[in-house]
Amino acid sequence: MSLVGLNDADRQAKWYQQLKREWATSRAEGRAFQNPVKPETLRWKS
């Protein structure tokens, strides 16, 4: 899945994809899950 160009608007979807990918990889490799998402503050505009 490719999510490009929307910056903060699609940030949560990008996080979900990163977490999903890392979870599957860690299970396949038999290692502990490592959270790939770095802490950050989102700024929402409406």
PDB file of N, CA and C in Angstrom:
ATOM      1  N   MET A   1       0.848  -1.182   0.000  1.00  0.00           N
ATOM      2  CA  MET A   1       0.000   0.000   0.000  1.00  0.00           C
ATOM      3  C   MET A   1       0.889   1.239   0.000  1.00  0.00           C
ATOM      4  N   SER A   2       0.604   2.167  -0.863  1.00  0.00           N
ATOM      5  CA  SER A   2       1.414   3.375  -0.956  1.00  0.00           C
ATOM      6  C   SER A   2       0.577   4.585  -0.550  1.00  0.00           C
ATOM      7  N   LEU A   3       1.071   5.285   0.452  1.00  0.00           N
ATOM      8  CA  LEU A   3       0.395   6.495   0.912  1.00  0.00           C
ATOM      9  C   LEU A   3       1.369   7.653   0.766  1.00  0.00           C
ATOM     10  N   VAL A   4       1.095   8.533  -0.172  1.00  0.00           N
ATOM     11  CA  VAL A   4       2.024   9.630  -0.425  1.00  0.00           C
ATOM     12  C   VAL A   4       1.289  10.953  -0.547  1.00  0.00           C
ATOM     13  N   GLY A   5       1.983  12.022  -0.174  1.00  0.00           N
ATOM     14  CA  GLY A   5       1.506  13.360  -0.471  1.00  0.00           C
ATOM     15  C   GLY A   5       0.547  14.014   0.493  1.00  0.00           C
ATOM     16  N   LEU A   6       0.096  13.327   1.517  1.00  0.00           N
ATOM     17  CA  LEU A   6      -0.891  13.945   2.391  1.00  0.00           C
ATOM     18  C   LEU A   6      -0.332  14.333   3.757  1.00  0.00           C
ATOM     19  N   ASN A   7       0.925  14.057   4.007  1.00  0.00           N
ATOM     20  CA  ASN A   7       1.606  14.421   5.241  1.00  0.00           C
ATOM     21  C   ASN A   7       0.830  13.989   6.477  1.00  0.00           C
ATOM     22  N   ASP A   8       0.471  14.926   7.362  1.00  0.00           N
ATOM     23  CA  ASP A   8      -0.168  14.559   8.625  1.00  0.00           C
ATOM     24  C   ASP A   8      -1.525  13.886   8.437  1.00  0.00           C
ATOM     25  N   ALA A   9      -2.217  14.184   7.362  1.00  0.00           N
ATOM     26  CA  ALA A   9      -3.548  13.622   7.154  1.00  0.00           C
ATOM     27  C   ALA A   9      -3.528  12.102   7.047  1.00  0.00           C
ATOM     28  N   ASP A  10      -2.465  11.543   6.513  1.00  0.00           N
ATOM     29  CA  ASP A  10      -2.389  10.088   6.384  1.00  0.00           C
ATOM     30  C   ASP A  10      -1.338   9.470   7.308  1.00  0.00           C
ATOM     31  N   ARG A  11      -0.865  10.229   8.260  1.00  0.00           N
ATOM     32  CA  ARG A  11       0.190   9.754   9.172  1.00  0.00           C
ATOM     33  C   ARG A  11      -0.239   8.503   9.932  1.00  0.00           C
ATOM     34  N   GLN A  12      -1.467   8.468  10.430  1.00  0.00           N
ATOM     35  CA  GLN A  12      -1.922   7.301  11.188  1.00  0.00           C
ATOM     36  C   GLN A  12      -1.961   6.048  10.310  1.00  0.00           C
ATOM     37  N   ALA A  13      -2.348   6.196   9.066  1.00  0.00           N
ATOM     38  CA  ALA A  13      -2.364   5.059   8.148  1.00  0.00           C
ATOM     39  C   ALA A  13      -0.938   4.571   7.882  1.00  0.00           C
ATOM     40  N   LYS A  14       0.007   5.497   7.767  1.00  0.00           N
ATOM     41  CA  LYS A  14       1.414   5.116   7.580  1.00  0.00           C
ATOM     42  C   LYS A  14       1.934   4.384   8.817  1.00  0.00           C
ATOM     43  N   TRP A  15       1.589   4.869  10.001  1.00  0.00           N
ATOM     44  CA  TRP A  15       1.994   4.203  11.241  1.00  0.00           C
ATOM     45  C   TRP A  15       1.445   2.786  11.274  1.00  0.00           C
ATOM     46  N   TYR A  16       0.183   2.650  10.943  1.00  0.00           N
ATOM     47  CA  TYR A  16      -0.446   1.324  10.951  1.00  0.00           C
ATOM     48  C   TYR A  16       0.301   0.361  10.033  1.00  0.00           C
ATOM     49  N   GLN A  17       0.638   0.817   8.830  1.00  0.00           N
ATOM     50  CA  GLN A  17       1.348  -0.034   7.882  1.00  0.00           C
ATOM     51  C   GLN A  17       2.738  -0.406   8.402  1.00  0.00           C
ATOM     52  N   GLN A  18       3.436   0.542   9.032  1.00  0.00           N
ATOM     53  CA  GLN A  18       4.754   0.254   9.598  1.00  0.00           C
ATOM     54  C   GLN A  18       4.643  -0.782  10.713  1.00  0.00           C
ATOM     55  N   LEU A  19       3.659  -0.609  11.593  1.00  0.00           N
ATOM     56  CA  LEU A  19       3.469  -1.543  12.702  1.00  0.00           C
ATOM     57  C   LEU A  19       3.100  -2.931  12.206  1.00  0.00           C
ATOM     58  N   LYS A  20       2.216  -2.986  11.238  1.00  0.00           N
ATOM     59  CA  LYS A  20       1.785  -4.256  10.665  1.00  0.00           C
ATOM     60  C   LYS A  20       2.959  -4.994  10.020  1.00  0.00           C
ATOM     61  N   ARG A  21       3.778  -4.261   9.271  1.00  0.00           N
ATOM     62  CA  ARG A  21       4.951  -4.839   8.605  1.00  0.00           C
ATOM     63  C   ARG A  21       5.967  -5.352   9.630  1.00  0.00           C
ATOM     64  N   GLU A  22       6.245  -4.556  10.668  1.00  0.00           N
ATOM     65  CA  GLU A  22       7.206  -4.961  11.695  1.00  0.00           C
ATOM     66  C   GLU A  22       6.694  -6.167  12.476  1.00  0.00           C
ATOM     67  N   TRP A  23       5.396  -6.190  12.787  1.00  0.00           N
ATOM     68  CA  TRP A  23       4.825  -7.329  13.513  1.00  0.00           C
ATOM     69  C   TRP A  23       5.023  -8.622  12.719  1.00  0.00           C
ATOM     70  N   ALA A  24       4.688  -8.595  11.442  1.00  0.00           N
ATOM     71  CA  ALA A  24       4.822  -9.782  10.596  1.00  0.00           C
ATOM     72  C   ALA A  24       6.291 -10.203  10.476  1.00  0.00           C
ATOM     73  N   THR A  25       7.178  -9.241  10.293  1.00  0.00           N
ATOM     74  CA  THR A  25       8.605  -9.544  10.161  1.00  0.00           C
ATOM     75  C   THR A  25       9.163 -10.130  11.446  1.00  0.00           C
ATOM     76  N   SER A  26       8.818  -9.540  12.576  1.00  0.00           N
ATOM     77  CA  SER A  26       9.342 -10.036  13.855  1.00  0.00           C
ATOM     78  C   SER A  26       8.853 -11.458  14.133  1.00  0.00           C
ATOM     79  N   ARG A  27       7.602 -11.762  13.785  1.00  0.00           N
ATOM     80  CA  ARG A  27       7.075 -13.129  13.980  1.00  0.00           C
ATOM     81  C   ARG A  27       7.801 -14.107  13.065  1.00  0.00           C
ATOM     82  N   ALA A  28       8.011 -13.715  11.812  1.00  0.00           N
ATOM     83  CA  ALA A  28       8.665 -14.601  10.840  1.00  0.00           C
ATOM     84  C   ALA A  28      10.114 -14.880  11.221  1.00  0.00           C
ATOM     85  N   GLU A  29      10.781 -13.882  11.815  1.00  0.00           N
ATOM     86  CA  GLU A  29      12.184 -14.034  12.197  1.00  0.00           C
ATOM     87  C   GLU A  29      12.348 -14.576  13.615  1.00  0.00           C
ATOM     88  N   GLY A  30      11.238 -14.739  14.346  1.00  0.00           N
ATOM     89  CA  GLY A  30      11.288 -15.267  15.705  1.00  0.00           C
ATOM     90  C   GLY A  30      11.981 -14.341  16.698  1.00  0.00           C
ATOM     91  N   ARG A  31      11.786 -13.056  16.533  1.00  0.00           N
ATOM     92  CA  ARG A  31      12.403 -12.082  17.437  1.00  0.00           C
ATOM     93  C   ARG A  31      11.334 -11.186  18.051  1.00  0.00           C
ATOM     94  N   ALA A  32      11.769 -10.402  19.026  1.00  0.00           N
ATOM     95  CA  ALA A  32      10.835  -9.492  19.696  1.00  0.00           C
ATOM     96  C   ALA A  32      10.428  -8.356  18.759  1.00  0.00           C
ATOM     97  N   PHE A  33       9.200  -7.910  18.911  1.00  0.00           N
ATOM     98  CA  PHE A  33       8.674  -6.768  18.160  1.00  0.00           C
ATOM     99  C   PHE A  33       9.415  -5.506  18.596  1.00  0.00           C
ATOM    100  N   GLN A  34       9.805  -4.676  17.641  1.00  0.00           N
ATOM    101  CA  GLN A  34      10.428  -3.385  17.926  1.00  0.00           C
ATOM    102  C   GLN A  34       9.581  -2.302  17.266  1.00  0.00           C
ATOM    103  N   ASN A  35       9.057  -1.409  18.071  1.00  0.00           N
ATOM    104  CA  ASN A  35       8.174  -0.366  17.562  1.00  0.00           C
ATOM    105  C   ASN A  35       8.929   0.557  16.608  1.00  0.00           C
ATOM    106  N   PRO A  36       8.542   0.602  15.317  1.00  0.00           N
ATOM    107  CA  PRO A  36       9.227   1.446  14.344  1.00  0.00           C
ATOM    108  C   PRO A  36       8.719   2.890  14.331  1.00  0.00           C
ATOM    109  N   VAL A  37       7.641   3.159  15.058  1.00  0.00           N
ATOM    110  CA  VAL A  37       7.026   4.484  15.049  1.00  0.00           C
ATOM    111  C   VAL A  37       7.700   5.370  16.093  1.00  0.00           C
ATOM    112  N   LYS A  38       8.225   6.491  15.646  1.00  0.00           N
ATOM    113  CA  LYS A  38       8.882   7.447  16.535  1.00  0.00           C
ATOM    114  C   LYS A  38       7.846   8.433  17.085  1.00  0.00           C
ATOM    115  N   PRO A  39       7.989   8.824  18.363  1.00  0.00           N
ATOM    116  CA  PRO A  39       7.051   9.795  18.938  1.00  0.00           C
ATOM    117  C   PRO A  39       7.090  11.126  18.179  1.00  0.00           C
ATOM    118  N   GLU A  40       5.941  11.694  17.943  1.00  0.00           N
ATOM    119  CA  GLU A  40       5.842  12.998  17.315  1.00  0.00           C
ATOM    120  C   GLU A  40       4.479  13.603  17.612  1.00  0.00           C
ATOM    121  N   THR A  41       4.378  14.897  17.431  1.00  0.00           N
ATOM    122  CA  THR A  41       3.117  15.606  17.641  1.00  0.00           C
ATOM    123  C   THR A  41       2.531  15.965  16.298  1.00  0.00           C
ATOM    124  N   LEU A  42       1.283  15.588  16.099  1.00  0.00           N
ATOM    125  CA  LEU A  42       0.595  15.932  14.851  1.00  0.00           C
ATOM    126  C   LEU A  42      -0.120  17.270  15.014  1.00  0.00           C
ATOM    127  N   ARG A  43      -0.151  18.026  13.966  1.00  0.00           N
ATOM    128  CA  ARG A  43      -0.855  19.313  13.934  1.00  0.00           C
ATOM    129  C   ARG A  43      -2.005  19.195  12.934  1.00  0.00           C
ATOM    130  N   TRP A  44      -3.220  19.278  13.421  1.00  0.00           N
ATOM    131  CA  TRP A  44      -4.380  19.112  12.547  1.00  0.00           C
ATOM    132  C   TRP A  44      -4.955  20.469  12.178  1.00  0.00           C
ATOM    133  N   LYS A  45      -5.346  20.603  10.928  1.00  0.00           N
ATOM    134  CA  LYS A  45      -6.001  21.821  10.452  1.00  0.00           C
ATOM    135  C   LYS A  45      -7.336  21.435   9.865  1.00  0.00           C
ATOM    136  N   SER A  46      -8.324  22.274  10.112  1.00  0.00           N
ATOM    137  CA  SER A  46      -9.641  21.982   9.521  1.00  0.00           C
ATOM    138  C   SER A  46     -10.252  23.235   8.948  1.00  0.00           C
TER     139      SER A  46
END
